[in-house]
PDB file of N, CA and C in Angstrom:
ATOM      1  N   MET A   1      42.690 -38.052 -38.014  1.00  0.00           N
ATOM      2  CA  MET A   1      43.739 -37.068 -37.975  1.00  0.00           C
ATOM      3  C   MET A   1      44.673 -37.348 -36.802  1.00  0.00           C
ATOM      4  N   ASN A   2      45.772 -36.700 -36.864  1.00  0.00           N
ATOM      5  CA  ASN A   2      46.769 -36.882 -35.830  1.00  0.00           C
ATOM      6  C   ASN A   2      46.320 -36.150 -34.549  1.00  0.00           C
ATOM      7  N   PHE A   3      46.517 -36.808 -33.399  1.00  0.00           N
ATOM      8  CA  PHE A   3      46.106 -36.234 -32.123  1.00  0.00           C
ATOM      9  C   PHE A   3      46.856 -34.938 -31.824  1.00  0.00           C
ATOM     10  N   LYS A   4      48.131 -34.871 -32.152  1.00  0.00           N
ATOM     11  CA  LYS A   4      48.921 -33.667 -31.875  1.00  0.00           C
ATOM     12  C   LYS A   4      48.415 -32.475 -32.686  1.00  0.00           C
ATOM     13  N   PHE A   5      47.996 -32.724 -33.913  1.00  0.00           N
ATOM     14  CA  PHE A   5      47.469 -31.641 -34.736  1.00  0.00           C
ATOM     15  C   PHE A   5      46.154 -31.122 -34.177  1.00  0.00           C
ATOM     16  N   ILE A   6      45.295 -32.017 -33.743  1.00  0.00           N
ATOM     17  CA  ILE A   6      44.012 -31.608 -33.170  1.00  0.00           C
ATOM     18  C   ILE A   6      44.237 -30.819 -31.875  1.00  0.00           C
ATOM     19  N   LEU A   7      45.159 -31.287 -31.063  1.00  0.00           N
ATOM     20  CA  LEU A   7      45.472 -30.581 -29.826  1.00  0.00           C
ATOM     21  C   LEU A   7      46.048 -29.199 -30.124  1.00  0.00           C
ATOM     22  N   PHE A   8      46.955 -29.118 -31.093  1.00  0.00           N
ATOM     23  CA  PHE A   8      47.532 -27.837 -31.479  1.00  0.00           C
ATOM     24  C   PHE A   8      46.462 -26.885 -31.997  1.00  0.00           C
ATOM     25  N   ALA A   9      45.572 -27.373 -32.839  1.00  0.00           N
ATOM     26  CA  ALA A   9      44.519 -26.530 -33.402  1.00  0.00           C
ATOM     27  C   ALA A   9      43.590 -26.029 -32.302  1.00  0.00           C
ATOM     28  N   PHE A  10      43.240 -26.895 -31.369  1.00  0.00           N
ATOM     29  CA  PHE A  10      42.366 -26.502 -30.266  1.00  0.00           C
ATOM     30  C   PHE A  10      43.036 -25.438 -29.390  1.00  0.00           C
ATOM     31  N   LEU A  11      44.292 -25.655 -29.034  1.00  0.00           N
ATOM     32  CA  LEU A  11      45.001 -24.697 -28.193  1.00  0.00           C
ATOM     33  C   LEU A  11      45.232 -23.376 -28.915  1.00  0.00           C
ATOM     34  N   PHE A  12      45.460 -23.423 -30.220  1.00  0.00           N
ATOM     35  CA  PHE A  12      45.639 -22.209 -31.002  1.00  0.00           C
ATOM     36  C   PHE A  12      44.361 -21.383 -31.023  1.00  0.00           C
ATOM     37  N   VAL A  13      43.234 -22.023 -31.229  1.00  0.00           N
ATOM     38  CA  VAL A  13      41.950 -21.320 -31.232  1.00  0.00           C
ATOM     39  C   VAL A  13      41.645 -20.775 -29.837  1.00  0.00           C
ATOM     40  N   LEU A  14      41.922 -21.557 -28.818  1.00  0.00           N
ATOM     41  CA  LEU A  14      41.683 -21.110 -27.448  1.00  0.00           C
ATOM     42  C   LEU A  14      42.548 -19.902 -27.100  1.00  0.00           C
ATOM     43  N   PHE A  15      43.816 -19.931 -27.494  1.00  0.00           N
ATOM     44  CA  PHE A  15      44.694 -18.795 -27.253  1.00  0.00           C
ATOM     45  C   PHE A  15      44.217 -17.560 -28.012  1.00  0.00           C
ATOM     46  N   GLY A  16      43.842 -17.726 -29.251  1.00  0.00           N
ATOM     47  CA  GLY A  16      43.364 -16.594 -30.043  1.00  0.00           C
ATOM     48  C   GLY A  16      42.117 -15.971 -29.450  1.00  0.00           C
ATOM     49  N   TYR A  17      41.196 -16.807 -29.005  1.00  0.00           N
ATOM     50  CA  TYR A  17      39.970 -16.290 -28.392  1.00  0.00           C
ATOM     51  C   TYR A  17      40.275 -15.558 -27.096  1.00  0.00           C
ATOM     52  N   SER A  18      41.090 -16.139 -26.229  1.00  0.00           N
ATOM     53  CA  SER A  18      41.370 -15.505 -24.939  1.00  0.00           C
ATOM     54  C   SER A  18      42.174 -14.218 -25.119  1.00  0.00           C
ATOM     55  N   ALA A  19      43.094 -14.176 -26.064  1.00  0.00           N
ATOM     56  CA  ALA A  19      43.868 -12.961 -26.299  1.00  0.00           C
ATOM     57  C   ALA A  19      42.981 -11.845 -26.844  1.00  0.00           C
ATOM     58  N   SER A  20      42.101 -12.169 -27.770  1.00  0.00           N
ATOM     59  CA  SER A  20      41.232 -11.135 -28.327  1.00  0.00           C
ATOM     60  C   SER A  20      40.196 -10.665 -27.307  1.00  0.00           C
ATOM     61  N   ALA A  21      39.683 -11.577 -26.495  1.00  0.00           N
ATOM     62  CA  ALA A  21      38.711 -11.179 -25.469  1.00  0.00           C
ATOM     63  C   ALA A  21      39.363 -10.296 -24.414  1.00  0.00           C
ATOM     64  N   THR A  22      40.584 -10.610 -24.034  1.00  0.00           N
ATOM     65  CA  THR A  22      41.284  -9.802 -23.040  1.00  0.00           C
ATOM     66  C   THR A  22      41.598  -8.418 -23.588  1.00  0.00           C
ATOM     67  N   SER A  23      42.077  -8.336 -24.807  1.00  0.00           N
ATOM     68  CA  SER A  23      42.407  -7.019 -25.367  1.00  0.00           C
ATOM     69  C   SER A  23      41.152  -6.195 -25.608  1.00  0.00           C
ATOM     70  N   TRP A  24      40.064  -6.839 -26.000  1.00  0.00           N
ATOM     71  CA  TRP A  24      38.807  -6.127 -26.216  1.00  0.00           C
ATOM     72  C   TRP A  24      38.304  -5.549 -24.894  1.00  0.00           C
ATOM     73  N   THR A  25      38.353  -6.332 -23.843  1.00  0.00           N
ATOM     74  CA  THR A  25      37.891  -5.863 -22.535  1.00  0.00           C
ATOM     75  C   THR A  25      38.785  -4.763 -21.999  1.00  0.00           C
ATOM     76  N   ALA A  26      40.091  -4.919 -22.130  1.00  0.00           N
ATOM     77  CA  ALA A  26      41.028  -3.922 -21.606  1.00  0.00           C
ATOM     78  C   ALA A  26      40.949  -2.612 -22.377  1.00  0.00           C
ATOM     79  N   SER A  27      40.550  -2.652 -23.638  1.00  0.00           N
ATOM     80  CA  SER A  27      40.478  -1.418 -24.407  1.00  0.00           C
ATOM     81  C   SER A  27      39.347  -0.514 -23.921  1.00  0.00           C
ATOM     82  N   TYR A  28      38.327  -1.076 -23.296  1.00  0.00           N
ATOM     83  CA  TYR A  28      37.227  -0.279 -22.777  1.00  0.00           C
ATOM     84  C   TYR A  28      37.478   0.222 -21.363  1.00  0.00           C
ATOM     85  N   LEU A  29      38.572  -0.183 -20.737  1.00  0.00           N
ATOM     86  CA  LEU A  29      38.865   0.239 -19.370  1.00  0.00           C
ATOM     87  C   LEU A  29      39.104   1.737 -19.286  1.00  0.00           C
ATOM     88  N   ALA A  30      39.656   2.330 -20.316  1.00  0.00           N
ATOM     89  CA  ALA A  30      39.941   3.769 -20.300  1.00  0.00           C
ATOM     90  C   ALA A  30      38.669   4.615 -20.283  1.00  0.00           C
ATOM     91  N   PHE A  31      37.553   4.074 -20.698  1.00  0.00           N
ATOM     92  CA  PHE A  31      36.306   4.825 -20.736  1.00  0.00           C
ATOM     93  C   PHE A  31      35.550   4.794 -19.413  1.00  0.00           C
ATOM     94  N   GLU A  32      36.004   3.984 -18.470  1.00  0.00           N
ATOM     95  CA  GLU A  32      35.356   3.898 -17.169  1.00  0.00           C
ATOM     96  C   GLU A  32      35.759   5.074 -16.297  1.00  0.00           C
ATOM     97  N   ASP A  33      34.800   5.630 -15.573  1.00  0.00           N
ATOM     98  CA  ASP A  33      35.103   6.727 -14.665  1.00  0.00           C
ATOM     99  C   ASP A  33      35.892   6.256 -13.449  1.00  0.00           C
ATOM    100  N   ASN A  34      35.606   5.057 -13.000  1.00  0.00           N
ATOM    101  CA  ASN A  34      36.268   4.524 -11.813  1.00  0.00           C
ATOM    102  C   ASN A  34      37.270   3.430 -12.196  1.00  0.00           C
ATOM    103  N   TRP A  35      38.134   3.735 -13.138  1.00  0.00           N
ATOM    104  CA  TRP A  35      39.060   2.722 -13.658  1.00  0.00           C
ATOM    105  C   TRP A  35      40.060   2.292 -12.606  1.00  0.00           C
ATOM    106  N   ARG A  36      40.333   3.124 -11.615  1.00  0.00           N
ATOM    107  CA  ARG A  36      41.288   2.740 -10.574  1.00  0.00           C
ATOM    108  C   ARG A  36      40.748   1.618  -9.699  1.00  0.00           C
ATOM    109  N   ASP A  37      39.436   1.480  -9.625  1.00  0.00           N
ATOM    110  CA  ASP A  37      38.851   0.402  -8.834  1.00  0.00           C
ATOM    111  C   ASP A  37      39.091  -0.964  -9.472  1.00  0.00           C
ATOM    112  N   PHE A  38      39.388  -0.985 -10.755  1.00  0.00           N
ATOM    113  CA  PHE A  38      39.597  -2.245 -11.454  1.00  0.00           C
ATOM    114  C   PHE A  38      41.054  -2.710 -11.428  1.00  0.00           C
ATOM    115  N   LEU A  39      41.968  -1.873 -10.947  1.00  0.00           N
ATOM    116  CA  LEU A  39      43.379  -2.237 -10.911  1.00  0.00           C
ATOM    117  C   LEU A  39      43.632  -3.295  -9.848  1.00  0.00           C
ATOM    118  N   VAL A  40      44.298  -4.349 -10.246  1.00  0.00           N
ATOM    119  CA  VAL A  40      44.665  -5.399  -9.308  1.00  0.00           C
ATOM    120  C   VAL A  40      46.137  -5.705  -9.532  1.00  0.00           C
ATOM    121  N   VAL A  41      46.991  -5.142  -8.686  1.00  0.00           N
ATOM    122  CA  VAL A  41      48.421  -5.405  -8.790  1.00  0.00           C
ATOM    123  C   VAL A  41      48.878  -6.170  -7.563  1.00  0.00           C
ATOM    124  N   THR A  42      48.552  -5.654  -6.419  1.00  0.00           N
ATOM    125  CA  THR A  42      48.847  -6.314  -5.150  1.00  0.00           C
ATOM    126  C   THR A  42      47.588  -6.266  -4.295  1.00  0.00           C
ATOM    127  N   PRO A  43      47.500  -7.092  -3.264  1.00  0.00           N
ATOM    128  CA  PRO A  43      46.286  -7.066  -2.427  1.00  0.00           C
ATOM    129  C   PRO A  43      46.031  -5.708  -1.774  1.00  0.00           C
ATOM    130  N   GLN A  44      47.100  -5.003  -1.421  1.00  0.00           N
ATOM    131  CA  GLN A  44      46.923  -3.706  -0.788  1.00  0.00           C
ATOM    132  C   GLN A  44      47.749  -2.676  -1.535  1.00  0.00           C
ATOM    133  N   TYR A  45      47.213  -1.517  -1.735  1.00  0.00           N
ATOM    134  CA  TYR A  45      47.964  -0.453  -2.364  1.00  0.00           C
ATOM    135  C   TYR A  45      47.810   0.815  -1.526  1.00  0.00           C
ATOM    136  N   LYS A  46      48.740   1.694  -1.686  1.00  0.00           N
ATOM    137  CA  LYS A  46      48.755   2.926  -0.908  1.00  0.00           C
ATOM    138  C   LYS A  46      48.281   4.075  -1.774  1.00  0.00           C
ATOM    139  N   LYS A  47      47.551   4.983  -1.169  1.00  0.00           N
ATOM    140  CA  LYS A  47      47.132   6.185  -1.884  1.00  0.00           C
ATOM    141  C   LYS A  47      47.908   7.363  -1.327  1.00  0.00           C
ATOM    142  N   ALA A  48      48.346   8.211  -2.223  1.00  0.00           N
ATOM    143  CA  ALA A  48      49.063   9.412  -1.818  1.00  0.00           C
ATOM    144  C   ALA A  48      48.067  10.439  -1.287  1.00  0.00           C
ATOM    145  N   GLU A  49      48.583  11.532  -0.776  1.00  0.00           N
ATOM    146  CA  GLU A  49      47.718  12.566  -0.210  1.00  0.00           C
ATOM    147  C   GLU A  49      46.801  13.188  -1.251  1.00  0.00           C
ATOM    148  N   ASN A  50      47.262  13.237  -2.509  1.00  0.00           N
ATOM    149  CA  ASN A  50      46.444  13.851  -3.545  1.00  0.00           C
ATOM    150  C   ASN A  50      45.437  12.881  -4.162  1.00  0.00           C
ATOM    151  N   GLY A  51      45.366  11.663  -3.646  1.00  0.00           N
ATOM    152  CA  GLY A  51      44.383  10.704  -4.125  1.00  0.00           C
ATOM    153  C   GLY A  51      44.883   9.781  -5.211  1.00  0.00           C
ATOM    154  N   LEU A  52      46.085  10.014  -5.730  1.00  0.00           N
ATOM    155  CA  LEU A  52      46.630   9.145  -6.761  1.00  0.00           C
ATOM    156  C   LEU A  52      47.259   7.912  -6.121  1.00  0.00           C
ATOM    157  N   ILE A  53      47.291   6.855  -6.864  1.00  0.00           N
ATOM    158  CA  ILE A  53      47.878   5.621  -6.356  1.00  0.00           C
ATOM    159  C   ILE A  53      49.394   5.764  -6.337  1.00  0.00           C
ATOM    160  N   ALA A  54      49.973   5.501  -5.196  1.00  0.00           N
ATOM    161  CA  ALA A  54      51.422   5.597  -5.048  1.00  0.00           C
ATOM    162  C   ALA A  54      52.073   4.353  -5.638  1.00  0.00           C
ATOM    163  N   VAL A  55      53.382   4.361  -5.731  1.00  0.00           N
ATOM    164  CA  VAL A  55      54.125   3.229  -6.272  1.00  0.00           C
ATOM    165  C   VAL A  55      53.960   2.032  -5.343  1.00  0.00           C
ATOM    166  N   MET A  56      53.704   0.887  -5.926  1.00  0.00           N
ATOM    167  CA  MET A  56      53.488  -0.318  -5.135  1.00  0.00           C
ATOM    168  C   MET A  56      54.796  -0.778  -4.491  1.00  0.00           C
ATOM    169  N   ASP A  57      54.681  -1.477  -3.375  1.00  0.00           N
ATOM    170  CA  ASP A  57      55.858  -2.007  -2.703  1.00  0.00           C
ATOM    171  C   ASP A  57      56.567  -3.027  -3.579  1.00  0.00           C
ATOM    172  N   VAL A  58      55.806  -3.809  -4.324  1.00  0.00           N
ATOM    173  CA  VAL A  58      56.404  -4.815  -5.189  1.00  0.00           C
ATOM    174  C   VAL A  58      57.193  -4.153  -6.298  1.00  0.00           C
ATOM    175  N   GLU A  59      56.668  -3.088  -6.861  1.00  0.00           N
ATOM    176  CA  GLU A  59      57.369  -2.384  -7.927  1.00  0.00           C
ATOM    177  C   GLU A  59      58.658  -1.746  -7.415  1.00  0.00           C
ATOM    178  N   GLN A  60      58.658  -1.301  -6.168  1.00  0.00           N
ATOM    179  CA  GLN A  60      59.891  -0.746  -5.598  1.00  0.00           C
ATOM    180  C   GLN A  60      60.956  -1.803  -5.486  1.00  0.00           C
ATOM    181  N   LEU A  61      60.562  -3.035  -5.191  1.00  0.00           N
ATOM    182  CA  LEU A  61      61.540  -4.126  -5.079  1.00  0.00           C
ATOM    183  C   LEU A  61      62.076  -4.546  -6.449  1.00  0.00           C
ATOM    184  N   LEU A  62      61.255  -4.440  -7.476  1.00  0.00           N
ATOM    185  CA  LEU A  62      61.658  -4.893  -8.797  1.00  0.00           C
ATOM    186  C   LEU A  62      62.611  -3.918  -9.484  1.00  0.00           C
ATOM    187  N   VAL A  63      62.527  -2.655  -9.145  1.00  0.00           N
ATOM    188  CA  VAL A  63      63.353  -1.645  -9.817  1.00  0.00           C
ATOM    189  C   VAL A  63      64.726  -1.578  -9.265  1.00  0.00           C
TER     190      VAL A  63
END
């Protein structure tokens, strides 16, 4: 078979597996009690006085 076809088929299967595994894992995040501990946006984040996560510094720059 052609090398490009084999490479395409392999990458297609790899992408499909990684996309489905990521969506499957992320769908269960809402059921966790401590879901905020799993958030990774920036190395440091600020918490407001009421305990909620405040807007990230990076997000303020992007808007």
